[in-house]
N, C-alpha and C. Protein backbone atom coordinates (compact mmCIF):
# COMPACT_ATOMS: atom_id res chain seq x y z
N MET A 1 90.96 111.35 75.62
CA MET A 1 91.65 110.07 75.70
C MET A 1 91.06 109.14 74.64
N ASN A 2 91.92 108.39 74.05
CA ASN A 2 91.56 107.37 73.07
C ASN A 2 90.52 106.41 73.68
N PRO A 3 89.42 106.11 72.97
CA PRO A 3 88.37 105.24 73.52
C PRO A 3 88.86 103.84 73.91
N THR A 4 89.81 103.31 73.15
CA THR A 4 90.35 101.99 73.49
C THR A 4 91.11 102.06 74.81
N ARG A 5 91.90 103.10 74.99
CA ARG A 5 92.66 103.27 76.24
C ARG A 5 91.70 103.50 77.40
N ARG A 6 90.64 104.27 77.18
CA ARG A 6 89.65 104.52 78.23
C ARG A 6 89.02 103.19 78.66
N ARG A 7 88.71 102.34 77.69
CA ARG A 7 88.13 101.02 77.99
C ARG A 7 89.11 100.19 78.82
N GLN A 8 90.38 100.23 78.45
CA GLN A 8 91.40 99.50 79.19
C GLN A 8 91.47 100.02 80.63
N PHE A 9 91.51 101.33 80.81
CA PHE A 9 91.56 101.91 82.15
C PHE A 9 90.33 101.55 82.97
N ASP A 10 89.17 101.52 82.32
CA ASP A 10 87.95 101.14 83.05
C ASP A 10 88.06 99.71 83.58
N HIS A 11 88.52 98.80 82.73
CA HIS A 11 88.72 97.41 83.17
C HIS A 11 89.73 97.33 84.32
N LEU A 12 90.84 98.01 84.17
CA LEU A 12 91.89 97.96 85.19
C LEU A 12 91.42 98.58 86.51
N GLY A 13 90.67 99.66 86.43
CA GLY A 13 90.15 100.30 87.64
C GLY A 13 89.19 99.38 88.38
N THR A 14 88.34 98.71 87.65
CA THR A 14 87.42 97.75 88.26
C THR A 14 88.20 96.61 88.91
N ALA A 15 89.19 96.10 88.20
CA ALA A 15 90.00 95.00 88.74
C ALA A 15 90.73 95.44 90.01
N ARG A 16 91.23 96.66 90.03
CA ARG A 16 91.91 97.18 91.22
C ARG A 16 90.96 97.16 92.41
N ARG A 17 89.77 97.72 92.23
CA ARG A 17 88.80 97.78 93.33
C ARG A 17 88.42 96.38 93.83
N GLU A 18 88.18 95.48 92.89
CA GLU A 18 87.78 94.13 93.28
C GLU A 18 88.92 93.37 93.96
N LEU A 19 90.15 93.57 93.49
CA LEU A 19 91.28 92.89 94.12
C LEU A 19 91.51 93.40 95.54
N LEU A 20 91.43 94.70 95.74
CA LEU A 20 91.60 95.26 97.08
C LEU A 20 90.51 94.76 98.01
N SER A 21 89.30 94.63 97.51
CA SER A 21 88.19 94.09 98.30
C SER A 21 88.44 92.63 98.64
N TRP A 22 88.90 91.86 97.64
CA TRP A 22 89.21 90.45 97.87
C TRP A 22 90.31 90.32 98.92
N ALA A 23 91.35 91.14 98.81
CA ALA A 23 92.46 91.08 99.77
C ALA A 23 91.98 91.39 101.18
N ALA A 24 91.15 92.41 101.32
CA ALA A 24 90.64 92.77 102.65
C ALA A 24 89.81 91.63 103.23
N ALA A 25 88.98 91.01 102.41
CA ALA A 25 88.13 89.91 102.88
C ALA A 25 88.95 88.69 103.27
N ASN A 26 90.13 88.55 102.68
CA ASN A 26 91.00 87.40 102.96
C ASN A 26 92.18 87.75 103.86
N GLU A 27 92.11 88.91 104.49
CA GLU A 27 93.13 89.38 105.44
C GLU A 27 94.53 89.39 104.85
N VAL A 28 94.62 89.82 103.60
CA VAL A 28 95.90 89.98 102.92
C VAL A 28 96.32 91.43 103.06
N PRO A 29 97.55 91.71 103.51
CA PRO A 29 97.98 93.09 103.77
C PRO A 29 98.34 93.89 102.51
N LEU A 30 97.51 93.77 101.48
CA LEU A 30 97.68 94.54 100.25
C LEU A 30 97.09 95.92 100.49
N THR A 31 97.89 96.96 100.29
CA THR A 31 97.42 98.31 100.59
C THR A 31 97.10 99.14 99.36
N ARG A 32 97.68 98.74 98.22
CA ARG A 32 97.50 99.58 97.03
C ARG A 32 97.79 98.76 95.78
N VAL A 33 97.06 99.07 94.72
CA VAL A 33 97.30 98.47 93.40
C VAL A 33 97.38 99.62 92.41
N GLU A 34 98.47 99.67 91.68
CA GLU A 34 98.67 100.70 90.65
C GLU A 34 98.92 100.01 89.33
N PHE A 35 98.64 100.67 88.25
CA PHE A 35 98.97 100.13 86.94
C PHE A 35 99.58 101.22 86.07
N VAL A 36 100.47 100.79 85.19
CA VAL A 36 101.17 101.69 84.29
C VAL A 36 101.05 101.11 82.89
N VAL A 37 100.64 101.97 81.96
CA VAL A 37 100.54 101.56 80.56
C VAL A 37 101.45 102.48 79.74
N PRO A 38 101.94 101.99 78.60
CA PRO A 38 102.80 102.82 77.75
C PRO A 38 102.06 104.04 77.20
N PHE A 39 102.80 105.07 76.85
CA PHE A 39 102.21 106.25 76.25
C PHE A 39 101.74 105.98 74.81
N VAL A 40 102.25 104.96 74.20
CA VAL A 40 101.89 104.62 72.82
C VAL A 40 100.49 104.02 72.81
N PRO A 41 99.52 104.66 72.18
CA PRO A 41 98.13 104.18 72.24
C PRO A 41 97.92 102.78 71.66
N THR A 42 98.78 102.34 70.78
CA THR A 42 98.62 101.02 70.18
C THR A 42 99.26 99.90 70.99
N ASP A 43 99.93 100.25 72.09
CA ASP A 43 100.58 99.26 72.95
C ASP A 43 99.71 99.06 74.19
N SER A 44 99.11 97.90 74.33
CA SER A 44 98.19 97.64 75.44
C SER A 44 98.84 96.90 76.61
N ASP A 45 100.17 96.77 76.60
CA ASP A 45 100.85 96.12 77.74
C ASP A 45 100.55 96.90 79.02
N THR A 46 100.54 96.19 80.12
CA THR A 46 100.24 96.82 81.40
C THR A 46 101.17 96.27 82.47
N ALA A 47 101.76 97.17 83.26
CA ALA A 47 102.53 96.79 84.44
C ALA A 47 101.62 97.03 85.64
N VAL A 48 101.34 95.96 86.38
CA VAL A 48 100.50 96.05 87.56
C VAL A 48 101.41 95.97 88.79
N TRP A 49 101.30 96.96 89.67
CA TRP A 49 102.11 97.02 90.88
C TRP A 49 101.24 96.70 92.08
N LEU A 50 101.65 95.70 92.84
CA LEU A 50 100.96 95.31 94.07
C LEU A 50 101.80 95.80 95.25
N PHE A 51 101.21 96.61 96.09
CA PHE A 51 101.93 97.16 97.24
C PHE A 51 101.37 96.59 98.54
N PHE A 52 102.24 95.93 99.30
CA PHE A 52 101.91 95.46 100.63
C PHE A 52 102.29 96.53 101.63
N ASP A 53 101.86 96.37 102.86
CA ASP A 53 102.14 97.39 103.86
C ASP A 53 103.63 97.44 104.24
N THR A 54 104.25 96.29 104.44
CA THR A 54 105.65 96.26 104.87
C THR A 54 106.49 95.36 103.97
N HIS A 55 107.78 95.57 104.02
CA HIS A 55 108.70 94.72 103.26
C HIS A 55 108.65 93.28 103.78
N ALA A 56 108.47 93.13 105.08
CA ALA A 56 108.37 91.78 105.65
C ALA A 56 107.16 91.04 105.08
N ASN A 57 106.06 91.73 104.87
CA ASN A 57 104.88 91.09 104.28
C ASN A 57 105.06 90.80 102.80
N VAL A 58 105.87 91.60 102.11
CA VAL A 58 106.21 91.29 100.71
C VAL A 58 106.87 89.92 100.67
N ALA A 59 107.87 89.72 101.53
CA ALA A 59 108.59 88.44 101.56
C ALA A 59 107.70 87.29 102.01
N ARG A 60 106.90 87.52 103.04
CA ARG A 60 106.02 86.47 103.56
C ARG A 60 105.00 86.04 102.50
N CYS A 61 104.39 87.00 101.84
CA CYS A 61 103.34 86.69 100.85
C CYS A 61 103.93 86.05 99.60
N ALA A 62 105.17 86.39 99.28
CA ALA A 62 105.83 85.73 98.15
C ALA A 62 106.11 84.26 98.49
N SER A 63 106.57 84.02 99.72
CA SER A 63 106.96 82.65 100.09
C SER A 63 105.77 81.73 100.34
N ASN A 64 104.64 82.28 100.76
CA ASN A 64 103.50 81.40 101.04
C ASN A 64 102.47 81.34 99.91
N GLY A 65 102.80 81.93 98.76
CA GLY A 65 101.94 81.83 97.59
C GLY A 65 100.85 82.89 97.47
N VAL A 66 100.77 83.78 98.43
CA VAL A 66 99.71 84.79 98.39
C VAL A 66 99.90 85.74 97.21
N THR A 67 101.13 86.12 96.92
CA THR A 67 101.38 87.03 95.81
C THR A 67 100.93 86.40 94.49
N ALA A 68 101.27 85.14 94.29
CA ALA A 68 100.83 84.45 93.07
C ALA A 68 99.31 84.37 93.02
N ARG A 69 98.68 84.16 94.16
CA ARG A 69 97.20 84.11 94.23
C ARG A 69 96.60 85.46 93.86
N LEU A 70 97.21 86.56 94.32
CA LEU A 70 96.73 87.91 93.96
C LEU A 70 96.84 88.15 92.46
N GLU A 71 97.96 87.75 91.88
CA GLU A 71 98.15 87.92 90.44
C GLU A 71 97.08 87.13 89.68
N GLN A 72 96.84 85.90 90.10
CA GLN A 72 95.83 85.08 89.44
C GLN A 72 94.44 85.68 89.61
N GLU A 73 94.14 86.16 90.79
CA GLU A 73 92.83 86.77 91.04
C GLU A 73 92.64 88.01 90.16
N PHE A 74 93.67 88.83 90.02
CA PHE A 74 93.60 90.02 89.16
C PHE A 74 93.32 89.61 87.72
N ARG A 75 94.03 88.60 87.24
CA ARG A 75 93.82 88.11 85.87
C ARG A 75 92.40 87.56 85.69
N THR A 76 91.92 86.85 86.70
CA THR A 76 90.56 86.30 86.65
C THR A 76 89.52 87.40 86.58
N ILE A 77 89.69 88.42 87.39
CA ILE A 77 88.77 89.56 87.38
C ILE A 77 88.75 90.22 86.00
N LEU A 78 89.95 90.43 85.44
CA LEU A 78 90.02 91.04 84.11
C LEU A 78 89.33 90.17 83.07
N THR A 79 89.60 88.88 83.09
CA THR A 79 88.99 87.97 82.13
C THR A 79 87.47 87.99 82.25
N ARG A 80 86.99 87.92 83.47
CA ARG A 80 85.54 87.92 83.73
C ARG A 80 84.88 89.21 83.23
N SER A 81 85.62 90.32 83.26
CA SER A 81 85.06 91.61 82.84
C SER A 81 85.13 91.82 81.33
N GLY A 82 85.72 90.86 80.60
CA GLY A 82 85.80 90.98 79.16
C GLY A 82 87.07 91.63 78.65
N TYR A 83 88.08 91.70 79.50
CA TYR A 83 89.37 92.25 79.09
C TYR A 83 89.93 91.37 77.97
N PRO A 84 90.29 91.95 76.83
CA PRO A 84 90.75 91.13 75.70
C PRO A 84 91.98 90.27 76.04
N ALA A 85 91.99 89.06 75.52
CA ALA A 85 93.08 88.12 75.78
C ALA A 85 94.43 88.68 75.35
N GLU A 86 94.48 89.40 74.24
CA GLU A 86 95.77 89.96 73.79
C GLU A 86 96.28 91.03 74.75
N TRP A 87 95.38 91.74 75.41
CA TRP A 87 95.81 92.70 76.43
C TRP A 87 96.30 91.96 77.67
N LEU A 88 95.58 90.91 78.03
CA LEU A 88 95.95 90.14 79.21
C LEU A 88 97.33 89.51 79.05
N ALA A 89 97.65 89.08 77.85
CA ALA A 89 98.96 88.47 77.58
C ALA A 89 100.10 89.45 77.85
N GLY A 90 99.84 90.74 77.73
CA GLY A 90 100.87 91.76 77.96
C GLY A 90 100.85 92.33 79.36
N THR A 91 100.24 91.63 80.30
CA THR A 91 100.15 92.10 81.68
C THR A 91 101.25 91.48 82.52
N SER A 92 102.03 92.32 83.18
CA SER A 92 103.09 91.84 84.07
C SER A 92 102.88 92.43 85.46
N PHE A 93 103.44 91.75 86.46
CA PHE A 93 103.24 92.15 87.85
C PHE A 93 104.56 92.46 88.53
N TYR A 94 104.50 93.45 89.42
CA TYR A 94 105.64 93.84 90.23
C TYR A 94 105.13 94.03 91.65
N VAL A 95 105.97 93.77 92.61
CA VAL A 95 105.56 93.83 94.01
C VAL A 95 106.52 94.73 94.78
N ASP A 96 105.96 95.52 95.67
CA ASP A 96 106.76 96.39 96.53
C ASP A 96 105.95 96.65 97.79
N SER A 97 106.50 97.50 98.66
CA SER A 97 105.82 97.80 99.91
C SER A 97 105.64 99.31 100.09
N HIS A 98 104.61 99.65 100.82
CA HIS A 98 104.39 101.04 101.19
C HIS A 98 105.59 101.53 102.01
N GLU A 99 106.09 100.67 102.83
CA GLU A 99 107.26 100.98 103.65
C GLU A 99 108.43 101.45 102.77
N ASN A 100 108.68 100.77 101.67
CA ASN A 100 109.75 101.16 100.76
C ASN A 100 109.46 102.50 100.09
N VAL A 101 108.21 102.72 99.69
CA VAL A 101 107.84 104.00 99.07
C VAL A 101 108.09 105.14 100.05
N GLU A 102 107.72 104.94 101.30
CA GLU A 102 107.95 105.97 102.32
C GLU A 102 109.44 106.23 102.52
N ARG A 103 110.20 105.17 102.63
CA ARG A 103 111.62 105.28 102.95
C ARG A 103 112.46 105.81 101.79
N ASN A 104 112.20 105.33 100.59
CA ASN A 104 113.10 105.62 99.47
C ASN A 104 112.55 106.52 98.36
N TYR A 105 111.26 106.84 98.44
CA TYR A 105 110.65 107.67 97.39
C TYR A 105 109.85 108.82 97.95
N LYS A 106 110.21 109.25 99.15
CA LYS A 106 109.56 110.40 99.81
C LYS A 106 108.05 110.22 99.91
N GLY A 107 107.61 108.96 100.01
CA GLY A 107 106.19 108.68 100.14
C GLY A 107 105.40 108.84 98.85
N SER A 108 106.09 109.03 97.73
CA SER A 108 105.42 109.28 96.46
C SER A 108 105.36 108.04 95.56
N TYR A 109 104.17 107.59 95.31
CA TYR A 109 103.99 106.47 94.38
C TYR A 109 104.34 106.90 92.96
N PHE A 110 104.14 108.17 92.66
CA PHE A 110 104.53 108.69 91.34
C PHE A 110 106.02 108.48 91.12
N TYR A 111 106.84 108.84 92.10
CA TYR A 111 108.29 108.64 91.98
C TYR A 111 108.63 107.15 91.89
N ARG A 112 107.93 106.34 92.64
CA ARG A 112 108.23 104.89 92.65
C ARG A 112 107.92 104.25 91.30
N LEU A 113 106.86 104.69 90.67
CA LEU A 113 106.43 104.07 89.42
C LEU A 113 107.15 104.60 88.18
N ARG A 114 107.95 105.62 88.35
CA ARG A 114 108.67 106.21 87.20
C ARG A 114 109.76 105.32 86.73
């Protein structure tokens, strides 16, 4: 793997672990964080997927600001870890539920993220 991409994955992996820990400590029903990067090694854009346990919690967390707080916390973790600003600018967030993955993607996050 390209060393730059490995560095990016290391930062993202750390941010995932810290965000899940933060969510658990704050009783946020976040169950999974996934990220997708382009196959092109020179493109550092990242799609970050936040998965809540249920569709109802997706809606609740969006309406009460929790989803926006999670996105901000993820960005803060990345910034604190030295994630380059140009990479951070290309970071986008998507939200879904484990319930939806089970119902519509045969329980496969691989299928959901395709």
